[in-house]
Amino acid sequence: MASDGARKQFWKRGSSKVPGRAGGGSAWRQLCACSREMGVLSCAGKKARAAWDFGRHRGVGSSGWAGRRPESIQHVYGAQHPPFDPLVHGTLLKATPKVPTTPVKAKRVSTFQEFESNTSDAWDAGEDDDELLAMAAESLNTAVVMETAHRVLRNHSQQQGRSRPPGAPERPAEPPEAPGGDLRLVKSVSESHASCPEGSASDAAPLQRSQSLPHAATVVLGGAPESSALSSSALSEREASRLDKFKHLLAGPNTDLEELRKLSWSGIPKPVRAITWKLLSGYLPANVDRRPATLQRKQKEYFAFIDHYYDSRNDEVHQDTYRQIHIDIPRMSPEALILQPKVTEIFERILFIWAIRHPASGYVQGINDLVTPFFVVFICEYIDDEEADSANISRVPEDALRNVEADTYWCMSRLLDGIQDNYTFAQPGIQMKVKMLEELVSRIDEQVHRHLGQHEVRYLQFTFRWMNNLLTRELPLRCTVRLWDTYQSEPEGFANFHLYVCAAFLVRWRKEILEERDFQELLLFLQNLPTAHWGDEDVSLLLAEAYRLKFAFADAPNHYKK
């Protein structure tokens, strides 16, 4: 702490009047010097700076400050000002030429900018951009930055070298160094070739300032084909990494289903999708040792149902059900798969057995579409690099088809157990969900909701199929499978999360909906949405928006009710 003599010296120096605008810098330096002697300017002066700036903003000139008493200036403890302390950044301040502080005749200023330009204060020193850049340059470890940049360049060059065809010219591994050995300047190859022509001095100054800081090395790795190849390579590496995580998780003696759900939310790799769906649907146990016995028991149980019930399909009490199933299956998609005789027979058996064993609902149109995703996913275990929606099932062994049929039946039954009120008399589950969807859309996009009402379009007219078929008629099969990856990983995904997916799906087409001005055209658009070219990325965006809506509304069901 400063001595009493220093304190007296401080007040002695402050006994004279503080100079006005022309001498504001010297007054501040005097205050800083005295405060430093007393030890009160240990780290800066945000409050003092704010008080001083307030006087400047108020336009206080020599007449404003000259009449003030020194005791009105309060020293501030625990602050730092100016921003660059000369004791710490003395080298920077020495390099900056001092601004002459010649007295200026006081005059009335019209704006703050004019006042600031005519005022020379102590805190102006060190606020120039060059000093900020210089300080930032000193605070960075140039050697570390350059070493990191060169390492990145070498890695890229090695990757390109591995993928370069024979006879292709090699690319420079590192960018050319700046002249004079200045390692702070790291320019890309494309930038060095695209420099401005000689003699254009107007563009040289900004470039020189940008060279005062180290830049990230941005080397052009080739044209569009190489860039796309690199991105696809990175994508395949990411997919391989996710596949390894799934395999590692599934290889354990007891699969952590919670962790499996977290991994599956963003999509399941094709090689492990079948086993993952069986686990997440509750069809298979988490314990690895129990799975073979469970599969054998369930498959035996299913074919016992076939032997017991399937022959009754022509009985008078069941013939209407079987006839409706027989009519609906050829209308399903993909036709190249469904219309194969073996597939048609499998679907007929699955749907008829389920209808007989669930008399509360029986068979309802729409349930048939829920069989396809399970069948396609499970059949992929037995076909090699072939699109399942157009695969030739006759090549699959008979035992494999029996396994696929039984697995499809049990997994579809698990799904329907959670949404069976969608298919009971009057389908109350669907009607309730359509009403909830209408209320939700009215809150998240009132303009779309009002537009549909103005043209007398009722939600039940186009969303009934969304709820009844779980969007299988609105999306391509590949997108339905990706969508169901997330449904399987969500708690009650088919029953609850589907509501928010439908809301996000409707709002996704708000622009096209608002452009339609006719009831017929609007309804035709909503029943034939252009999703034929959708892929996994579109479904991922849809699911992300649905999750946002669920996060906002699921735990507050009254929040979306007006």
Foldseek 3Di string as FASTA:
>chain_A
DADPVLVVVLVVVQQAFDAWQLCQAVSVVSNVVSCVNVVQQVAADPPLVVVVVVCLQVVTGRVRRRPDHSVVRDRHHPHRPDPDDCVRPVVLLVVDDADDSDDDDDDRDDHSVVSVVPGRHNSVRQPDPLNVLVVVQVVDDLVVLLVVLLVVLQVLQVVCVVVPDPPDDRDDSADDADPPRPSQAGEEPVPVVPDDDPPPVVVVVVVVSVSSGRDRYDYDPDDDVVVVVVVVVVVVVVVVVLQVVVCVQLPDQFHDLLVLLVSLQLHDDLQCLLVSLCDLLPQAHRGPVCRVVSLVVLLVVLVVLCVVPVVCCPPPVNVVLLVVLLVCQCVDPPNLQSVPVVNVVLLSSLLSSVQVVCVQQRDDPQLSLLLVLQLLSLCVNFDDPDRSRNDDCVVGDPVSVSSSSSSSSVSSVSLCVLLVCCRGVVRVLLVVLLVLLLLQLCVPPVPLSVLCVVQPNRSCLQCSSCLSNVCSQVADSQLVNSLVSNLSSDDVSSRPLSSLLVSLVVVVCSVVLVVDDHNVVNSVCSNHPPHHPPDSVVSSVSSVSSVVSCVVDVVPVCPSHD
